[in-house]
N, C-alpha and C. Protein backbone atom coordinates (compact mmCIF):
# COMPACT_ATOMS: atom_id res chain seq x y z
N MET A 1 150.14 -57.66 28.01
CA MET A 1 149.86 -57.22 29.36
C MET A 1 150.45 -58.24 30.35
N VAL A 2 151.22 -57.78 31.29
CA VAL A 2 151.85 -58.64 32.28
C VAL A 2 150.97 -58.68 33.52
N MET A 3 150.70 -59.89 34.00
CA MET A 3 149.88 -60.02 35.20
C MET A 3 150.66 -59.57 36.42
N LYS A 4 149.97 -59.09 37.41
CA LYS A 4 150.61 -58.54 38.59
C LYS A 4 151.45 -59.59 39.32
N SER A 5 150.99 -60.84 39.40
CA SER A 5 151.74 -61.88 40.11
C SER A 5 153.05 -62.22 39.41
N ASP A 6 153.13 -62.01 38.07
CA ASP A 6 154.36 -62.27 37.34
C ASP A 6 155.47 -61.30 37.74
N LYS A 7 155.10 -60.09 38.10
CA LYS A 7 156.09 -59.08 38.45
C LYS A 7 156.91 -59.49 39.66
N LYS A 8 156.31 -60.20 40.57
CA LYS A 8 157.03 -60.61 41.78
C LYS A 8 158.07 -61.69 41.49
N ASN A 9 157.93 -62.40 40.41
CA ASN A 9 158.86 -63.48 40.09
C ASN A 9 160.03 -63.02 39.23
N ARG A 10 160.07 -61.77 38.85
CA ARG A 10 161.18 -61.25 38.05
C ARG A 10 162.43 -61.16 38.91
N ILE A 11 163.57 -61.45 38.31
CA ILE A 11 164.81 -61.36 39.06
C ILE A 11 165.80 -60.43 38.36
N HIS A 12 166.58 -59.70 39.13
CA HIS A 12 167.69 -58.87 38.67
C HIS A 12 167.29 -57.65 37.85
N VAL A 13 166.03 -57.27 37.75
CA VAL A 13 165.66 -56.10 36.97
C VAL A 13 164.66 -55.29 37.77
N VAL A 14 164.94 -53.99 37.88
CA VAL A 14 163.99 -53.10 38.51
C VAL A 14 163.16 -52.42 37.42
N TYR A 15 163.86 -51.91 36.38
CA TYR A 15 163.17 -51.23 35.29
C TYR A 15 164.05 -51.28 34.05
N SER A 16 163.44 -51.41 32.88
CA SER A 16 164.20 -51.42 31.64
C SER A 16 163.49 -50.55 30.62
N THR A 17 164.28 -49.75 29.90
CA THR A 17 163.71 -48.92 28.84
C THR A 17 163.75 -49.60 27.49
N ASN A 18 164.40 -50.76 27.41
CA ASN A 18 164.49 -51.51 26.17
C ASN A 18 163.15 -52.21 25.91
N PRO A 19 162.45 -51.87 24.80
CA PRO A 19 161.14 -52.49 24.56
C PRO A 19 161.25 -53.99 24.21
N ASP A 20 162.43 -54.46 23.79
CA ASP A 20 162.59 -55.86 23.43
C ASP A 20 163.16 -56.70 24.58
N TYR A 21 163.26 -56.11 25.76
CA TYR A 21 163.87 -56.82 26.88
C TYR A 21 162.97 -57.97 27.35
N GLN A 22 163.57 -59.12 27.56
CA GLN A 22 162.84 -60.28 28.07
C GLN A 22 163.19 -60.47 29.54
N TYR A 23 162.20 -60.43 30.37
CA TYR A 23 162.43 -60.60 31.80
C TYR A 23 162.81 -62.03 32.12
N GLU A 24 163.67 -62.21 33.12
CA GLU A 24 163.97 -63.54 33.64
C GLU A 24 163.03 -63.79 34.80
N TYR A 25 162.41 -64.93 34.81
CA TYR A 25 161.50 -65.25 35.89
C TYR A 25 162.09 -66.35 36.75
N ALA A 26 161.91 -66.19 38.05
CA ALA A 26 162.38 -67.23 38.98
C ALA A 26 161.44 -68.42 38.85
N SER A 27 162.01 -69.57 38.64
CA SER A 27 161.18 -70.77 38.54
C SER A 27 161.93 -71.95 39.13
N GLU A 28 161.19 -72.80 39.80
CA GLU A 28 161.80 -74.00 40.35
C GLU A 28 161.72 -75.09 39.30
N PRO A 29 162.81 -75.80 39.08
CA PRO A 29 162.73 -76.89 38.11
C PRO A 29 161.82 -78.00 38.64
N GLU A 30 160.99 -78.50 37.77
CA GLU A 30 160.06 -79.57 38.15
C GLU A 30 160.85 -80.86 38.35
N ALA A 31 160.67 -81.46 39.51
CA ALA A 31 161.37 -82.70 39.80
C ALA A 31 160.81 -83.81 38.92
N GLU A 32 161.69 -84.58 38.31
CA GLU A 32 161.25 -85.68 37.47
C GLU A 32 160.90 -86.86 38.36
N THR A 33 159.75 -87.45 38.12
CA THR A 33 159.29 -88.53 38.97
C THR A 33 160.03 -89.82 38.63
N LEU A 34 160.60 -90.42 39.67
CA LEU A 34 161.28 -91.70 39.49
C LEU A 34 160.24 -92.80 39.33
N PRO A 35 160.56 -93.88 38.60
CA PRO A 35 159.63 -95.00 38.51
C PRO A 35 159.46 -95.65 39.89
N PRO A 36 158.33 -96.32 40.12
CA PRO A 36 158.06 -96.90 41.44
C PRO A 36 159.17 -97.82 41.95
N GLU A 37 159.83 -98.56 41.07
CA GLU A 37 160.87 -99.50 41.51
C GLU A 37 162.06 -98.76 42.12
N LYS A 38 162.27 -97.49 41.74
CA LYS A 38 163.42 -96.74 42.23
C LYS A 38 163.08 -95.83 43.40
N GLN A 39 161.80 -95.71 43.74
CA GLN A 39 161.39 -94.91 44.89
C GLN A 39 161.79 -95.63 46.16
N ASN A 40 162.24 -94.89 47.16
CA ASN A 40 162.62 -95.48 48.43
C ASN A 40 161.78 -94.80 49.51
N LEU A 41 160.59 -95.32 49.76
CA LEU A 41 159.63 -94.68 50.65
C LEU A 41 159.75 -95.21 52.07
N LYS A 42 159.48 -94.34 53.04
CA LYS A 42 159.45 -94.72 54.44
C LYS A 42 158.04 -94.52 54.96
N VAL A 43 157.52 -95.54 55.65
CA VAL A 43 156.19 -95.47 56.21
C VAL A 43 156.33 -95.41 57.72
N LEU A 44 155.80 -94.35 58.34
CA LEU A 44 155.95 -94.13 59.78
C LEU A 44 154.60 -93.85 60.42
N LEU A 45 154.47 -94.15 61.71
CA LEU A 45 153.32 -93.74 62.49
C LEU A 45 153.71 -92.51 63.28
N ASP A 46 152.79 -91.54 63.39
CA ASP A 46 153.10 -90.31 64.10
C ASP A 46 151.85 -89.80 64.80
N SER A 47 152.01 -89.25 66.01
CA SER A 47 150.88 -88.65 66.71
C SER A 47 151.26 -87.32 67.34
N LYS A 48 152.45 -86.83 67.06
CA LYS A 48 152.90 -85.56 67.63
C LYS A 48 152.13 -84.40 67.04
N GLN A 49 151.72 -83.49 67.88
CA GLN A 49 151.00 -82.27 67.50
C GLN A 49 149.74 -82.56 66.71
N ARG A 50 149.08 -83.67 67.03
CA ARG A 50 147.84 -84.02 66.33
C ARG A 50 146.73 -84.35 67.32
N LYS A 51 146.80 -83.76 68.50
CA LYS A 51 145.80 -83.95 69.56
C LYS A 51 145.61 -85.42 69.90
N GLY A 52 146.70 -86.20 69.91
CA GLY A 52 146.63 -87.60 70.29
C GLY A 52 146.18 -88.54 69.19
N LYS A 53 145.78 -88.02 68.05
CA LYS A 53 145.34 -88.87 66.95
C LYS A 53 146.56 -89.39 66.19
N THR A 54 146.52 -90.67 65.83
CA THR A 54 147.65 -91.27 65.12
C THR A 54 147.42 -91.17 63.61
N VAL A 55 148.49 -90.83 62.90
CA VAL A 55 148.45 -90.78 61.44
C VAL A 55 149.60 -91.61 60.90
N THR A 56 149.49 -92.04 59.66
CA THR A 56 150.55 -92.76 58.98
C THR A 56 151.18 -91.81 57.98
N LEU A 57 152.50 -91.63 58.06
CA LEU A 57 153.23 -90.74 57.16
C LEU A 57 153.99 -91.57 56.12
N ILE A 58 153.97 -91.12 54.88
CA ILE A 58 154.78 -91.73 53.83
C ILE A 58 155.75 -90.65 53.36
N GLN A 59 157.05 -90.90 53.56
CA GLN A 59 158.08 -89.92 53.23
C GLN A 59 159.03 -90.47 52.18
N GLY A 60 159.76 -89.57 51.53
CA GLY A 60 160.82 -89.97 50.61
C GLY A 60 160.42 -90.05 49.16
N PHE A 61 159.22 -89.56 48.80
CA PHE A 61 158.78 -89.60 47.41
C PHE A 61 159.58 -88.59 46.60
N ILE A 62 160.13 -89.02 45.47
CA ILE A 62 160.88 -88.13 44.59
C ILE A 62 160.10 -87.99 43.29
N GLY A 63 159.61 -86.77 43.05
CA GLY A 63 158.85 -86.56 41.82
C GLY A 63 158.00 -85.32 41.89
N SER A 64 157.10 -85.19 40.93
CA SER A 64 156.27 -84.00 40.83
C SER A 64 155.14 -84.03 41.86
N GLU A 65 154.62 -82.86 42.15
CA GLU A 65 153.53 -82.72 43.12
C GLU A 65 152.28 -83.47 42.64
N GLU A 66 152.03 -83.46 41.33
CA GLU A 66 150.85 -84.15 40.79
C GLU A 66 150.94 -85.66 41.02
N ASP A 67 152.14 -86.23 40.80
CA ASP A 67 152.30 -87.67 41.00
C ASP A 67 152.18 -88.04 42.47
N LEU A 68 152.65 -87.16 43.35
CA LEU A 68 152.53 -87.39 44.79
C LEU A 68 151.06 -87.39 45.19
N LYS A 69 150.30 -86.44 44.66
CA LYS A 69 148.87 -86.37 44.96
C LYS A 69 148.13 -87.59 44.41
N GLU A 70 148.57 -88.06 43.25
CA GLU A 70 147.95 -89.25 42.65
C GLU A 70 148.17 -90.48 43.53
N LEU A 71 149.40 -90.64 44.06
CA LEU A 71 149.70 -91.75 44.96
C LEU A 71 148.88 -91.62 46.24
N ALA A 72 148.76 -90.41 46.78
CA ALA A 72 147.98 -90.19 47.99
C ALA A 72 146.52 -90.56 47.76
N LYS A 73 145.99 -90.21 46.60
CA LYS A 73 144.60 -90.53 46.27
C LYS A 73 144.40 -92.04 46.22
N LEU A 74 145.34 -92.74 45.61
CA LEU A 74 145.27 -94.20 45.54
C LEU A 74 145.25 -94.81 46.95
N LEU A 75 146.17 -94.36 47.81
CA LEU A 75 146.25 -94.90 49.17
C LEU A 75 144.99 -94.60 49.97
N LYS A 76 144.47 -93.38 49.85
CA LYS A 76 143.26 -93.02 50.59
C LYS A 76 142.07 -93.86 50.13
N ASN A 77 141.96 -94.09 48.82
CA ASN A 77 140.85 -94.88 48.30
C ASN A 77 140.95 -96.34 48.75
N LYS A 78 142.14 -96.92 48.68
CA LYS A 78 142.32 -98.32 49.06
C LYS A 78 142.08 -98.53 50.56
N CYS A 79 142.47 -97.55 51.38
CA CYS A 79 142.31 -97.68 52.83
C CYS A 79 140.95 -97.20 53.31
N GLY A 80 140.25 -96.43 52.49
CA GLY A 80 138.93 -95.94 52.87
C GLY A 80 138.98 -94.89 53.97
N VAL A 81 140.04 -94.08 53.99
CA VAL A 81 140.19 -93.05 55.01
C VAL A 81 140.58 -91.73 54.35
N GLY A 82 140.64 -90.68 55.16
CA GLY A 82 141.06 -89.37 54.68
C GLY A 82 142.56 -89.20 54.80
N GLY A 83 143.04 -88.10 54.28
CA GLY A 83 144.46 -87.81 54.35
C GLY A 83 144.77 -86.56 53.55
N SER A 84 146.06 -86.23 53.48
CA SER A 84 146.45 -85.04 52.74
C SER A 84 147.90 -85.16 52.29
N VAL A 85 148.32 -84.18 51.48
CA VAL A 85 149.71 -84.10 51.02
C VAL A 85 150.25 -82.77 51.51
N LYS A 86 151.35 -82.82 52.29
CA LYS A 86 151.96 -81.60 52.81
C LYS A 86 153.46 -81.73 52.80
N ASP A 87 154.16 -80.73 52.31
CA ASP A 87 155.62 -80.68 52.36
C ASP A 87 156.28 -81.93 51.81
N GLY A 88 155.76 -82.49 50.74
CA GLY A 88 156.35 -83.67 50.13
C GLY A 88 156.08 -84.96 50.89
N GLU A 89 155.15 -84.93 51.83
CA GLU A 89 154.78 -86.12 52.60
C GLU A 89 153.31 -86.42 52.36
N ILE A 90 152.97 -87.70 52.44
CA ILE A 90 151.57 -88.10 52.39
C ILE A 90 151.16 -88.43 53.81
N LEU A 91 150.04 -87.87 54.23
CA LEU A 91 149.51 -88.07 55.57
C LEU A 91 148.21 -88.85 55.45
N ILE A 92 148.15 -90.05 56.01
CA ILE A 92 146.94 -90.87 55.97
C ILE A 92 146.41 -91.00 57.40
N GLN A 93 145.11 -90.76 57.60
CA GLN A 93 144.54 -90.81 58.93
C GLN A 93 144.45 -92.25 59.44
N GLY A 94 144.91 -92.48 60.66
CA GLY A 94 144.79 -93.78 61.30
C GLY A 94 146.08 -94.59 61.28
N GLU A 95 146.08 -95.68 62.03
CA GLU A 95 147.23 -96.59 62.11
C GLU A 95 147.10 -97.64 61.02
N LEU A 96 147.61 -97.36 59.85
CA LEU A 96 147.45 -98.25 58.70
C LEU A 96 148.78 -98.62 58.08
N LYS A 97 149.82 -98.70 58.89
CA LYS A 97 151.18 -98.93 58.38
C LYS A 97 151.28 -100.21 57.56
N GLU A 98 150.80 -101.33 58.09
CA GLU A 98 150.92 -102.62 57.39
C GLU A 98 150.12 -102.63 56.09
N LYS A 99 148.90 -102.08 56.14
CA LYS A 99 148.05 -102.05 54.95
C LYS A 99 148.68 -101.19 53.86
N ILE A 100 149.24 -100.04 54.24
CA ILE A 100 149.88 -99.14 53.27
C ILE A 100 151.13 -99.79 52.68
N LEU A 101 151.92 -100.46 53.52
CA LEU A 101 153.09 -101.16 53.01
C LEU A 101 152.69 -102.19 51.96
N THR A 102 151.62 -102.93 52.23
CA THR A 102 151.13 -103.94 51.28
C THR A 102 150.70 -103.30 49.96
N ILE A 103 149.95 -102.21 50.05
CA ILE A 103 149.47 -101.51 48.84
C ILE A 103 150.65 -100.98 48.03
N LEU A 104 151.63 -100.37 48.71
CA LEU A 104 152.79 -99.83 48.00
C LEU A 104 153.57 -100.94 47.29
N ARG A 105 153.75 -102.05 47.97
CA ARG A 105 154.49 -103.16 47.36
C ARG A 105 153.73 -103.77 46.19
N GLU A 106 152.41 -103.82 46.26
CA GLU A 106 151.60 -104.31 45.14
C GLU A 106 151.77 -103.42 43.92
N ASN A 107 152.04 -102.13 44.15
CA ASN A 107 152.22 -101.17 43.06
C ASN A 107 153.70 -100.96 42.73
N ASN A 108 154.54 -101.92 43.11
CA ASN A 108 155.99 -101.96 42.77
C ASN A 108 156.82 -100.88 43.43
N TYR A 109 156.33 -100.25 44.52
CA TYR A 109 157.14 -99.27 45.24
C TYR A 109 158.02 -100.00 46.25
N ARG A 110 159.24 -99.48 46.44
CA ARG A 110 160.12 -100.00 47.49
C ARG A 110 159.78 -99.20 48.75
N ALA A 111 159.35 -99.92 49.78
CA ALA A 111 158.91 -99.23 51.00
C ALA A 111 159.37 -100.00 52.23
N LYS A 112 159.69 -99.25 53.28
CA LYS A 112 160.08 -99.84 54.57
C LYS A 112 159.14 -99.36 55.64
């Protein structure tokens, strides 16, 4: 039985009468996570479109979504603040640029 959501990911086939036909599914290749020494992260302060509240952005992470979320969790725990992961960026609440740079360097990440 094919789940309904799988049907939307099929490519190049509308209907097939061949019972042995294998559908091709659209899939994004999982990005391989680079080791921390090879990551080139940028740490920025931003307050645009955030009702005047300042956040710290970490950009440039190359790797899987799970590893990005793991790094975000580490940073949020060490800083004692909230944050989120969106569009390949880590968003940490507050002006914590220096503290985040220190934490990233302690964990062997290259960060500016």
